[in-house]
N, C-alpha and C. Protein backbone atom coordinates (compact mmCIF):
# COMPACT_ATOMS: atom_id res chain seq x y z
N MET A 1 -23.60 46.40 27.19
CA MET A 1 -23.69 45.29 28.12
C MET A 1 -24.45 44.14 27.45
N PRO A 2 -23.89 42.92 27.48
CA PRO A 2 -24.57 41.79 26.84
C PRO A 2 -25.83 41.40 27.60
N LYS A 3 -26.79 40.85 26.85
CA LYS A 3 -28.02 40.38 27.48
C LYS A 3 -27.74 39.19 28.38
N GLU A 4 -26.85 38.31 27.92
CA GLU A 4 -26.49 37.14 28.71
C GLU A 4 -25.16 37.40 29.42
N SER A 5 -25.01 36.82 30.58
CA SER A 5 -23.72 36.91 31.26
C SER A 5 -23.38 35.53 31.81
N GLY A 6 -22.11 35.29 31.95
CA GLY A 6 -21.67 33.99 32.45
C GLY A 6 -21.40 33.02 31.33
N ARG A 7 -21.29 31.76 31.72
CA ARG A 7 -20.90 30.71 30.77
C ARG A 7 -22.00 29.66 30.70
N LYS A 8 -22.51 29.40 29.48
CA LYS A 8 -23.55 28.41 29.26
C LYS A 8 -22.99 27.33 28.33
N VAL A 9 -22.77 26.14 28.87
CA VAL A 9 -22.19 25.05 28.09
C VAL A 9 -23.27 24.44 27.20
N VAL A 10 -22.94 24.29 25.92
CA VAL A 10 -23.87 23.71 24.95
C VAL A 10 -23.55 22.24 24.73
N ALA A 11 -22.26 21.91 24.51
CA ALA A 11 -21.88 20.52 24.24
C ALA A 11 -20.48 20.28 24.79
N THR A 12 -20.26 19.06 25.25
CA THR A 12 -18.92 18.66 25.71
C THR A 12 -18.53 17.37 25.00
N ASN A 13 -17.23 17.21 24.82
CA ASN A 13 -16.68 16.02 24.20
C ASN A 13 -16.03 15.19 25.31
N ARG A 14 -16.84 14.38 25.99
CA ARG A 14 -16.35 13.62 27.14
C ARG A 14 -15.38 12.53 26.72
N LYS A 15 -15.55 12.02 25.52
CA LYS A 15 -14.70 10.94 25.05
C LYS A 15 -13.28 11.42 24.73
N ALA A 16 -13.12 12.72 24.48
CA ALA A 16 -11.81 13.25 24.10
C ALA A 16 -10.79 13.06 25.21
N ARG A 17 -11.17 13.31 26.45
CA ARG A 17 -10.22 13.15 27.56
C ARG A 17 -9.89 11.68 27.81
N HIS A 18 -10.76 10.79 27.37
CA HIS A 18 -10.49 9.36 27.50
C HIS A 18 -9.54 8.89 26.40
N ASP A 19 -9.74 9.39 25.19
CA ASP A 19 -8.96 8.94 24.03
C ASP A 19 -7.64 9.68 23.85
N TYR A 20 -7.52 10.88 24.41
CA TYR A 20 -6.35 11.72 24.20
C TYR A 20 -5.77 12.20 25.52
N ALA A 21 -4.45 12.41 25.52
CA ALA A 21 -3.78 13.07 26.64
C ALA A 21 -3.70 14.55 26.28
N VAL A 22 -4.43 15.37 27.02
CA VAL A 22 -4.54 16.80 26.72
C VAL A 22 -3.31 17.52 27.26
N LEU A 23 -2.64 18.28 26.38
CA LEU A 23 -1.44 19.01 26.78
C LEU A 23 -1.73 20.48 27.04
N ASP A 24 -2.33 21.17 26.07
CA ASP A 24 -2.67 22.59 26.21
C ASP A 24 -4.09 22.81 25.74
N THR A 25 -4.77 23.81 26.34
CA THR A 25 -6.11 24.16 25.89
C THR A 25 -6.14 25.62 25.50
N TYR A 26 -6.98 25.94 24.53
CA TYR A 26 -7.15 27.30 24.04
C TYR A 26 -8.64 27.58 23.87
N GLU A 27 -9.03 28.83 24.10
CA GLU A 27 -10.40 29.26 23.86
C GLU A 27 -10.42 30.02 22.55
N ALA A 28 -11.28 29.58 21.64
CA ALA A 28 -11.37 30.20 20.32
C ALA A 28 -12.80 30.62 20.04
N GLY A 29 -12.94 31.71 19.31
CA GLY A 29 -14.26 32.12 18.84
C GLY A 29 -14.62 31.32 17.60
N LEU A 30 -15.89 31.36 17.24
CA LEU A 30 -16.37 30.63 16.07
C LEU A 30 -17.04 31.60 15.11
N ALA A 31 -16.75 31.46 13.82
CA ALA A 31 -17.46 32.23 12.80
C ALA A 31 -18.66 31.41 12.38
N LEU A 32 -19.85 31.83 12.80
CA LEU A 32 -21.07 31.07 12.57
C LEU A 32 -22.09 31.86 11.78
N MET A 33 -23.02 31.13 11.16
CA MET A 33 -24.16 31.75 10.51
C MET A 33 -25.26 31.95 11.55
N GLY A 34 -26.25 32.75 11.24
CA GLY A 34 -27.32 33.06 12.19
C GLY A 34 -28.11 31.84 12.62
N THR A 35 -28.43 30.95 11.67
CA THR A 35 -29.21 29.77 12.05
C THR A 35 -28.40 28.81 12.90
N GLU A 36 -27.07 28.81 12.76
CA GLU A 36 -26.22 27.97 13.61
C GLU A 36 -26.27 28.46 15.05
N VAL A 37 -26.23 29.77 15.23
CA VAL A 37 -26.28 30.33 16.58
C VAL A 37 -27.63 30.01 17.23
N LYS A 38 -28.71 30.12 16.46
CA LYS A 38 -30.04 29.82 17.01
C LYS A 38 -30.15 28.35 17.39
N SER A 39 -29.59 27.48 16.59
CA SER A 39 -29.60 26.06 16.89
C SER A 39 -28.76 25.77 18.14
N LEU A 40 -27.62 26.45 18.28
CA LEU A 40 -26.79 26.27 19.48
C LEU A 40 -27.49 26.78 20.73
N ARG A 41 -28.22 27.87 20.61
CA ARG A 41 -28.94 28.40 21.77
C ARG A 41 -30.01 27.43 22.26
N GLU A 42 -30.50 26.58 21.34
CA GLU A 42 -31.44 25.53 21.75
C GLU A 42 -30.72 24.37 22.43
N GLY A 43 -29.38 24.39 22.43
CA GLY A 43 -28.59 23.36 23.09
C GLY A 43 -28.36 22.14 22.24
N ARG A 44 -28.33 22.31 20.93
CA ARG A 44 -28.20 21.17 20.03
C ARG A 44 -26.87 21.22 19.31
N ALA A 45 -25.96 20.32 19.68
CA ALA A 45 -24.66 20.20 19.00
C ALA A 45 -23.98 18.91 19.45
N SER A 46 -23.07 18.43 18.61
CA SER A 46 -22.30 17.23 18.95
C SER A 46 -20.86 17.43 18.52
N LEU A 47 -19.92 17.17 19.44
CA LEU A 47 -18.50 17.35 19.18
C LEU A 47 -17.75 16.04 19.02
N THR A 48 -18.44 14.91 19.00
CA THR A 48 -17.77 13.62 19.10
C THR A 48 -16.78 13.35 17.97
N ASP A 49 -17.09 13.72 16.75
CA ASP A 49 -16.19 13.44 15.63
C ASP A 49 -15.37 14.66 15.22
N GLY A 50 -15.37 15.70 16.04
CA GLY A 50 -14.75 16.96 15.66
C GLY A 50 -13.23 16.97 15.77
N PHE A 51 -12.62 17.78 14.92
CA PHE A 51 -11.17 18.02 14.96
C PHE A 51 -10.90 19.35 14.28
N ALA A 52 -9.72 19.90 14.51
CA ALA A 52 -9.34 21.19 13.92
C ALA A 52 -8.14 20.98 12.99
N VAL A 53 -8.12 21.72 11.88
CA VAL A 53 -7.09 21.57 10.86
C VAL A 53 -6.69 22.95 10.36
N PHE A 54 -5.42 23.08 10.00
CA PHE A 54 -4.94 24.32 9.39
C PHE A 54 -5.12 24.27 7.88
N TYR A 55 -5.70 25.33 7.31
CA TYR A 55 -5.78 25.55 5.86
C TYR A 55 -5.32 26.98 5.60
N ARG A 56 -4.24 27.11 4.84
CA ARG A 56 -3.70 28.44 4.48
C ARG A 56 -3.55 29.35 5.70
N ASP A 57 -2.86 28.88 6.71
CA ASP A 57 -2.57 29.63 7.94
C ASP A 57 -3.82 30.05 8.72
N GLU A 58 -4.94 29.39 8.50
CA GLU A 58 -6.14 29.63 9.27
C GLU A 58 -6.57 28.31 9.89
N LEU A 59 -7.18 28.38 11.06
CA LEU A 59 -7.61 27.18 11.76
C LEU A 59 -9.10 26.96 11.54
N TRP A 60 -9.46 25.75 11.12
CA TRP A 60 -10.85 25.42 10.80
C TRP A 60 -11.28 24.23 11.64
N LEU A 61 -12.52 24.25 12.06
CA LEU A 61 -13.11 23.18 12.85
C LEU A 61 -13.98 22.33 11.94
N GLU A 62 -13.70 21.03 11.91
CA GLU A 62 -14.44 20.13 11.03
C GLU A 62 -15.05 19.00 11.84
N GLY A 63 -16.10 18.41 11.30
CA GLY A 63 -16.67 17.22 11.87
C GLY A 63 -17.65 17.43 13.01
N ILE A 64 -17.83 18.66 13.48
CA ILE A 64 -18.83 18.86 14.54
C ILE A 64 -20.20 18.97 13.88
N HIS A 65 -21.20 18.55 14.60
CA HIS A 65 -22.54 18.50 14.06
C HIS A 65 -23.42 19.50 14.78
N ILE A 66 -23.84 20.54 14.05
CA ILE A 66 -24.82 21.49 14.56
C ILE A 66 -26.04 21.31 13.67
N PRO A 67 -27.12 20.70 14.18
CA PRO A 67 -28.26 20.41 13.31
C PRO A 67 -28.93 21.67 12.78
N GLU A 68 -29.65 21.50 11.69
CA GLU A 68 -30.34 22.64 11.08
C GLU A 68 -31.36 23.20 12.05
N TYR A 69 -31.55 24.51 11.98
CA TYR A 69 -32.53 25.20 12.81
C TYR A 69 -33.92 24.86 12.30
N THR A 70 -34.80 24.45 13.20
CA THR A 70 -36.11 23.95 12.78
C THR A 70 -36.97 25.02 12.13
N GLN A 71 -36.89 26.26 12.59
CA GLN A 71 -37.68 27.33 11.97
C GLN A 71 -36.93 28.05 10.87
N GLY A 72 -35.77 27.53 10.46
CA GLY A 72 -35.00 28.16 9.39
C GLY A 72 -35.64 27.95 8.04
N SER A 73 -35.32 28.83 7.12
CA SER A 73 -35.88 28.73 5.77
C SER A 73 -34.78 28.32 4.81
N TRP A 74 -34.77 28.85 3.63
CA TRP A 74 -33.75 28.54 2.64
C TRP A 74 -32.38 29.03 3.08
N THR A 75 -32.31 29.86 4.10
CA THR A 75 -31.02 30.37 4.59
C THR A 75 -30.38 29.43 5.60
N ASN A 76 -30.96 28.26 5.81
CA ASN A 76 -30.43 27.31 6.79
C ASN A 76 -29.03 26.86 6.40
N HIS A 77 -28.27 26.44 7.38
CA HIS A 77 -26.88 26.03 7.19
C HIS A 77 -26.78 24.52 6.97
N SER A 78 -25.64 24.09 6.47
CA SER A 78 -25.34 22.67 6.37
C SER A 78 -24.88 22.18 7.75
N ALA A 79 -25.32 21.01 8.16
CA ALA A 79 -25.09 20.55 9.53
C ALA A 79 -23.62 20.28 9.84
N ARG A 80 -22.84 19.79 8.88
CA ARG A 80 -21.45 19.42 9.14
C ARG A 80 -20.46 20.28 8.35
N ARG A 81 -20.78 21.50 8.10
CA ARG A 81 -19.87 22.34 7.32
C ARG A 81 -18.63 22.71 8.12
N ARG A 82 -17.60 23.15 7.41
CA ARG A 82 -16.35 23.58 8.03
C ARG A 82 -16.56 24.98 8.61
N ARG A 83 -16.11 25.17 9.87
CA ARG A 83 -16.29 26.46 10.54
C ARG A 83 -14.94 27.03 10.94
N LYS A 84 -14.78 28.32 10.73
CA LYS A 84 -13.51 28.99 11.01
C LYS A 84 -13.39 29.30 12.50
N LEU A 85 -12.20 29.03 13.05
CA LEU A 85 -11.90 29.37 14.44
C LEU A 85 -11.19 30.71 14.48
N LEU A 86 -11.55 31.53 15.43
CA LEU A 86 -11.01 32.87 15.55
C LEU A 86 -10.04 32.93 16.73
N LEU A 87 -8.75 33.07 16.39
CA LEU A 87 -7.69 33.15 17.39
C LEU A 87 -6.71 34.25 16.98
N HIS A 88 -5.91 34.70 17.93
CA HIS A 88 -4.86 35.66 17.62
C HIS A 88 -3.75 34.97 16.84
N ARG A 89 -3.03 35.72 16.05
CA ARG A 89 -1.96 35.17 15.21
C ARG A 89 -0.90 34.48 16.05
N GLU A 90 -0.55 35.05 17.21
CA GLU A 90 0.47 34.44 18.07
C GLU A 90 0.00 33.05 18.54
N GLU A 91 -1.28 32.95 18.90
CA GLU A 91 -1.80 31.66 19.34
C GLU A 91 -1.80 30.66 18.19
N LEU A 92 -2.16 31.11 17.00
CA LEU A 92 -2.15 30.22 15.83
C LEU A 92 -0.74 29.71 15.55
N ASP A 93 0.25 30.59 15.67
CA ASP A 93 1.63 30.18 15.44
C ASP A 93 2.08 29.14 16.48
N LYS A 94 1.74 29.37 17.76
CA LYS A 94 2.08 28.42 18.82
C LYS A 94 1.47 27.05 18.54
N ILE A 95 0.20 27.06 18.18
CA ILE A 95 -0.51 25.80 17.93
C ILE A 95 0.09 25.07 16.74
N SER A 96 0.38 25.81 15.68
CA SER A 96 0.91 25.16 14.47
C SER A 96 2.28 24.55 14.74
N HIS A 97 3.11 25.20 15.57
CA HIS A 97 4.41 24.62 15.91
C HIS A 97 4.26 23.35 16.75
N LYS A 98 3.26 23.35 17.65
CA LYS A 98 3.07 22.19 18.51
C LYS A 98 2.57 20.98 17.75
N ILE A 99 1.68 21.18 16.78
CA ILE A 99 1.09 20.02 16.11
C ILE A 99 1.90 19.56 14.90
N ARG A 100 2.98 20.25 14.60
CA ARG A 100 3.85 19.77 13.51
C ARG A 100 4.53 18.46 13.89
N GLU A 101 4.77 18.25 15.18
CA GLU A 101 5.35 16.99 15.63
C GLU A 101 4.34 15.87 15.40
N SER A 102 4.83 14.69 15.12
CA SER A 102 3.92 13.58 14.84
C SER A 102 3.21 13.14 16.12
N GLY A 103 1.98 12.73 15.97
CA GLY A 103 1.21 12.24 17.10
C GLY A 103 0.33 13.28 17.76
N PHE A 104 0.47 14.54 17.42
CA PHE A 104 -0.35 15.59 18.03
C PHE A 104 -1.52 15.95 17.12
N THR A 105 -2.62 16.31 17.74
CA THR A 105 -3.81 16.71 17.01
C THR A 105 -4.55 17.78 17.80
N LEU A 106 -5.52 18.41 17.16
CA LEU A 106 -6.36 19.41 17.80
C LEU A 106 -7.76 18.86 17.95
N VAL A 107 -8.25 18.82 19.19
CA VAL A 107 -9.54 18.22 19.48
C VAL A 107 -10.41 19.25 20.21
N PRO A 108 -11.69 19.41 19.81
CA PRO A 108 -12.58 20.29 20.57
C PRO A 108 -13.04 19.60 21.85
N LEU A 109 -13.00 20.32 22.96
CA LEU A 109 -13.42 19.76 24.25
C LEU A 109 -14.80 20.23 24.66
N GLN A 110 -15.08 21.53 24.47
CA GLN A 110 -16.37 22.10 24.88
C GLN A 110 -16.81 23.16 23.90
N LEU A 111 -18.11 23.29 23.75
CA LEU A 111 -18.72 24.36 22.97
C LEU A 111 -19.66 25.09 23.91
N TYR A 112 -19.50 26.40 24.05
CA TYR A 112 -20.25 27.14 25.05
C TYR A 112 -20.41 28.59 24.64
N PHE A 113 -21.27 29.30 25.37
CA PHE A 113 -21.46 30.73 25.19
C PHE A 113 -20.85 31.46 26.37
N VAL A 114 -20.08 32.51 26.10
CA VAL A 114 -19.55 33.39 27.13
C VAL A 114 -20.04 34.79 26.82
N ASP A 115 -20.86 35.33 27.69
CA ASP A 115 -21.45 36.66 27.51
C ASP A 115 -22.11 36.80 26.13
N GLY A 116 -22.79 35.75 25.71
CA GLY A 116 -23.54 35.79 24.45
C GLY A 116 -22.74 35.45 23.21
N LYS A 117 -21.46 35.18 23.33
CA LYS A 117 -20.63 34.86 22.17
C LYS A 117 -20.27 33.37 22.19
N ALA A 118 -20.39 32.71 21.03
CA ALA A 118 -20.09 31.28 20.94
C ALA A 118 -18.58 31.07 20.96
N LYS A 119 -18.14 30.19 21.83
CA LYS A 119 -16.72 29.87 21.96
C LYS A 119 -16.56 28.36 21.94
N VAL A 120 -15.36 27.91 21.57
CA VAL A 120 -15.03 26.50 21.62
C VAL A 120 -13.68 26.36 22.31
N GLU A 121 -13.57 25.38 23.18
CA GLU A 121 -12.31 25.09 23.85
C GLU A 121 -11.64 23.96 23.08
N ILE A 122 -10.49 24.26 22.48
CA ILE A 122 -9.77 23.24 21.73
C ILE A 122 -8.51 22.87 22.50
N ALA A 123 -8.04 21.66 22.27
CA ALA A 123 -6.89 21.15 23.00
C ALA A 123 -5.87 20.57 22.05
N VAL A 124 -4.60 20.86 22.32
CA VAL A 124 -3.51 20.17 21.65
C VAL A 124 -3.35 18.86 22.43
N ALA A 125 -3.53 17.75 21.72
CA ALA A 125 -3.58 16.46 22.41
C ALA A 125 -2.78 15.41 21.66
N ARG A 126 -2.40 14.38 22.38
CA ARG A 126 -1.72 13.23 21.81
C ARG A 126 -2.58 12.00 22.09
N GLY A 127 -2.76 11.16 21.10
CA GLY A 127 -3.60 9.98 21.25
C GLY A 127 -3.04 9.01 22.27
N LYS A 128 -3.92 8.42 23.07
CA LYS A 128 -3.51 7.43 24.07
C LYS A 128 -3.55 6.04 23.46
N LYS A 129 -2.66 5.20 23.91
CA LYS A 129 -2.69 3.79 23.56
C LYS A 129 -3.69 3.09 24.48
N ASP A 130 -4.03 1.85 24.15
CA ASP A 130 -5.00 1.11 24.96
C ASP A 130 -4.51 0.91 26.39
N TYR A 131 -3.22 0.63 26.56
CA TYR A 131 -2.71 0.41 27.91
C TYR A 131 -2.72 1.70 28.72
N ASP A 132 -2.57 2.87 28.06
CA ASP A 132 -2.68 4.15 28.78
C ASP A 132 -4.10 4.36 29.28
N LYS A 133 -5.08 4.01 28.44
CA LYS A 133 -6.48 4.17 28.84
C LYS A 133 -6.80 3.27 30.03
N ARG A 134 -6.31 2.03 29.98
CA ARG A 134 -6.55 1.11 31.09
C ARG A 134 -5.89 1.62 32.36
N GLN A 135 -4.69 2.20 32.23
CA GLN A 135 -3.96 2.71 33.39
C GLN A 135 -4.72 3.87 34.04
N THR A 136 -5.24 4.81 33.25
CA THR A 136 -5.99 5.93 33.84
C THR A 136 -7.28 5.45 34.49
N LEU A 137 -7.96 4.49 33.88
CA LEU A 137 -9.16 3.93 34.51
C LEU A 137 -8.83 3.26 35.84
N ARG A 138 -7.71 2.53 35.87
CA ARG A 138 -7.28 1.86 37.10
C ARG A 138 -6.97 2.89 38.18
N GLU A 139 -6.29 3.99 37.82
CA GLU A 139 -5.97 5.03 38.80
C GLU A 139 -7.23 5.67 39.36
N LYS A 140 -8.21 5.96 38.50
CA LYS A 140 -9.47 6.54 38.97
C LYS A 140 -10.17 5.59 39.94
N GLN A 141 -10.19 4.32 39.58
CA GLN A 141 -10.83 3.32 40.42
C GLN A 141 -10.12 3.21 41.77
N ASP A 142 -8.80 3.22 41.77
CA ASP A 142 -8.03 3.15 43.03
C ASP A 142 -8.31 4.36 43.91
N ASN A 143 -8.37 5.55 43.29
CA ASN A 143 -8.67 6.77 44.06
C ASN A 143 -10.06 6.70 44.69
N ARG A 144 -11.04 6.21 43.92
CA ARG A 144 -12.40 6.07 44.46
C ARG A 144 -12.42 5.11 45.64
N GLU A 145 -11.73 3.98 45.51
CA GLU A 145 -11.71 3.00 46.58
C GLU A 145 -11.02 3.55 47.83
N ALA A 146 -9.96 4.32 47.64
CA ALA A 146 -9.26 4.92 48.78
C ALA A 146 -10.16 5.93 49.49
N LEU A 147 -10.85 6.76 48.73
CA LEU A 147 -11.77 7.73 49.34
C LEU A 147 -12.91 7.02 50.07
N ARG A 148 -13.42 5.96 49.48
CA ARG A 148 -14.49 5.20 50.11
C ARG A 148 -14.02 4.59 51.42
N ALA A 149 -12.81 4.03 51.44
CA ALA A 149 -12.27 3.43 52.66
C ALA A 149 -12.05 4.50 53.73
N MET A 150 -11.55 5.65 53.35
CA MET A 150 -11.34 6.74 54.33
C MET A 150 -12.68 7.21 54.89
N ARG A 151 -13.69 7.30 54.05
CA ARG A 151 -14.99 7.75 54.50
C ARG A 151 -15.60 6.75 55.49
N GLU A 152 -15.45 5.45 55.19
CA GLU A 152 -15.96 4.43 56.11
C GLU A 152 -15.22 4.46 57.45
N LYS A 153 -13.92 4.69 57.40
CA LYS A 153 -13.13 4.75 58.63
C LYS A 153 -13.54 5.95 59.46
N ASN A 154 -13.79 7.10 58.82
CA ASN A 154 -14.22 8.30 59.55
C ASN A 154 -15.60 8.13 60.16
N ARG A 155 -16.48 7.37 59.52
CA ARG A 155 -17.81 7.14 60.07
C ARG A 155 -17.76 6.30 61.34
N GLN A 156 -16.85 5.33 61.34
CA GLN A 156 -16.74 4.42 62.49
C GLN A 156 -16.08 5.10 63.68
N ALA A 157 -15.25 6.07 63.43
CA ALA A 157 -14.52 6.73 64.52
C ALA A 157 -15.37 7.70 65.31
């Protein structure tokens, strides 16, 4: 039985949903060093520049920043090193077929612990154009205004 239970979110990439249209999401394990896990348990990580790439039929996560562990010694890790993602072969094949088309990329959305194991949620996504971003912001704003108007009407009644 694990010491920890449940889901503890370490880092989220909030800008990813703004910049990309998310099509599919996958949960992948991470191959980490000991000092990386300790640094993550302190809640220190950044996914803003992260992306995933295939190298020799394996999926690797690049560009995420896990700072060095403060009490680490000479065994400390490099902050921006390439980290291997752990997925089943069938999932890897599905992902590789999806991103072969132009315009698709793999973006990390969340980094979290599930029952003591570090996981990352990656998404097959397509980049949004500026007018798409403006359209989604406009839709959110319209929904907020509609809810606000309904709430005011219910208060008066």
